[in-house]
Amino acid sequence: MANLKTKNSIRRQLRWLRNLRDYYLDDREFVRILSNEIRVLEKLLYDIVMEEYNPLTTRFDKWD
């Protein structure tokens, strides 16, 4: 359940950042910063989804 809320939150933030980036296309520096943030969030979302579909790859430090 927590992952679902996290995924939805990340998707909502990605949508907002992408719209913001499209609006500020003239400001190259701002677009670069937004693109970096978007890339980080996409990677985080990808990692969450992959961990859900392949739970055997979870970190071993949680196996105490």
C-alpha atoms as a PDB file:
ATOM      1  CA  MET A   1       0.000   0.000   0.000  1.00  0.00           C
ATOM      2  CA  ALA A   2       2.829   2.394   0.808  1.00  0.00           C
ATOM      3  CA  ASN A   3       4.409   1.726  -2.569  1.00  0.00           C
ATOM      4  CA  LEU A   4       1.124   2.547  -4.300  1.00  0.00           C
ATOM      5  CA  LYS A   5       0.924   5.909  -2.531  1.00  0.00           C
ATOM      6  CA  THR A   6       4.597   6.534  -3.260  1.00  0.00           C
ATOM      7  CA  LYS A   7       4.195   5.625  -6.930  1.00  0.00           C
ATOM      8  CA  ASN A   8       1.144   7.836  -7.302  1.00  0.00           C
ATOM      9  CA  SER A   9       2.939  10.693  -5.587  1.00  0.00           C
ATOM     10  CA  ILE A  10       5.956  10.320  -7.876  1.00  0.00           C
ATOM     11  CA  ARG A  11       3.722  10.136 -10.961  1.00  0.00           C
ATOM     12  CA  ARG A  12       1.882  13.272  -9.878  1.00  0.00           C
ATOM     13  CA  GLN A  13       5.170  15.097  -9.292  1.00  0.00           C
ATOM     14  CA  LEU A  14       6.531  13.917 -12.656  1.00  0.00           C
ATOM     15  CA  ARG A  15       3.428  15.173 -14.437  1.00  0.00           C
ATOM     16  CA  TRP A  16       3.744  18.545 -12.711  1.00  0.00           C
ATOM     17  CA  LEU A  17       7.474  18.866 -13.507  1.00  0.00           C
ATOM     18  CA  ARG A  18       6.977  17.887 -17.146  1.00  0.00           C
ATOM     19  CA  ASN A  19       4.232  20.485 -17.556  1.00  0.00           C
ATOM     20  CA  LEU A  20       6.422  23.077 -15.894  1.00  0.00           C
ATOM     21  CA  ARG A  21       9.328  22.170 -18.169  1.00  0.00           C
ATOM     22  CA  ASP A  22       7.120  22.515 -21.254  1.00  0.00           C
ATOM     23  CA  TYR A  23       5.989  25.939 -20.078  1.00  0.00           C
ATOM     24  CA  TYR A  24       9.543  27.255 -19.483  1.00  0.00           C
ATOM     25  CA  LEU A  25      11.215  26.047 -22.682  1.00  0.00           C
ATOM     26  CA  ASP A  26      12.867  29.440 -23.225  1.00  0.00           C
ATOM     27  CA  ASP A  27      14.909  29.248 -20.009  1.00  0.00           C
ATOM     28  CA  ARG A  28      17.579  26.660 -20.813  1.00  0.00           C
ATOM     29  CA  GLU A  29      19.077  26.550 -17.322  1.00  0.00           C
ATOM     30  CA  PHE A  30      15.700  25.988 -15.677  1.00  0.00           C
ATOM     31  CA  VAL A  31      14.808  23.304 -18.240  1.00  0.00           C
ATOM     32  CA  ARG A  32      18.115  21.555 -17.511  1.00  0.00           C
ATOM     33  CA  ILE A  33      17.411  21.552 -13.764  1.00  0.00           C
ATOM     34  CA  LEU A  34      13.863  20.271 -14.305  1.00  0.00           C
ATOM     35  CA  SER A  35      15.099  17.578 -16.684  1.00  0.00           C
ATOM     36  CA  ASN A  36      17.562  16.358 -14.065  1.00  0.00           C
ATOM     37  CA  GLU A  37      14.818  16.214 -11.429  1.00  0.00           C
ATOM     38  CA  ILE A  38      12.557  14.347 -13.844  1.00  0.00           C
ATOM     39  CA  ARG A  39      15.305  11.853 -14.630  1.00  0.00           C
ATOM     40  CA  VAL A  40      15.888  11.167 -10.916  1.00  0.00           C
ATOM     41  CA  LEU A  41      12.174  10.638 -10.246  1.00  0.00           C
ATOM     42  CA  GLU A  42      11.810   8.357 -13.279  1.00  0.00           C
ATOM     43  CA  LYS A  43      14.705   6.248 -12.011  1.00  0.00           C
ATOM     44  CA  LEU A  44      13.164   6.093  -8.538  1.00  0.00           C
ATOM     45  CA  LEU A  45       9.792   5.047  -9.950  1.00  0.00           C
ATOM     46  CA  TYR A  46      11.481   2.413 -12.119  1.00  0.00           C
ATOM     47  CA  ASP A  47      13.336   1.011  -9.086  1.00  0.00           C
ATOM     48  CA  ILE A  48      10.119   0.798  -7.057  1.00  0.00           C
ATOM     49  CA  VAL A  49       8.286  -1.008  -9.853  1.00  0.00           C
ATOM     50  CA  MET A  50      11.152  -3.421 -10.482  1.00  0.00           C
ATOM     51  CA  GLU A  51      11.391  -4.267  -6.783  1.00  0.00           C
ATOM     52  CA  GLU A  52       7.658  -5.055  -6.724  1.00  0.00           C
ATOM     53  CA  TYR A  53       7.935  -7.425  -9.676  1.00  0.00           C
ATOM     54  CA  ASN A  54      11.174  -9.031  -8.534  1.00  0.00           C
ATOM     55  CA  PRO A  55      11.143  -9.134  -4.715  1.00  0.00           C
ATOM     56  CA  LEU A  56      14.140 -11.480  -4.553  1.00  0.00           C
ATOM     57  CA  THR A  57      16.409  -8.559  -5.409  1.00  0.00           C
ATOM     58  CA  THR A  58      15.639  -6.740  -2.154  1.00  0.00           C
ATOM     59  CA  ARG A  59      18.556  -5.662  -0.034  1.00  0.00           C
ATOM     60  CA  PHE A  60      20.019  -8.346   2.207  1.00  0.00           C
ATOM     61  CA  ASP A  61      20.480  -5.936   5.122  1.00  0.00           C
ATOM     62  CA  LYS A  62      16.711  -6.118   5.744  1.00  0.00           C
ATOM     63  CA  TRP A  63      16.840  -9.886   6.294  1.00  0.00           C
ATOM     64  CA  ASP A  64      17.703  -9.822  10.018  1.00  0.00           C
END
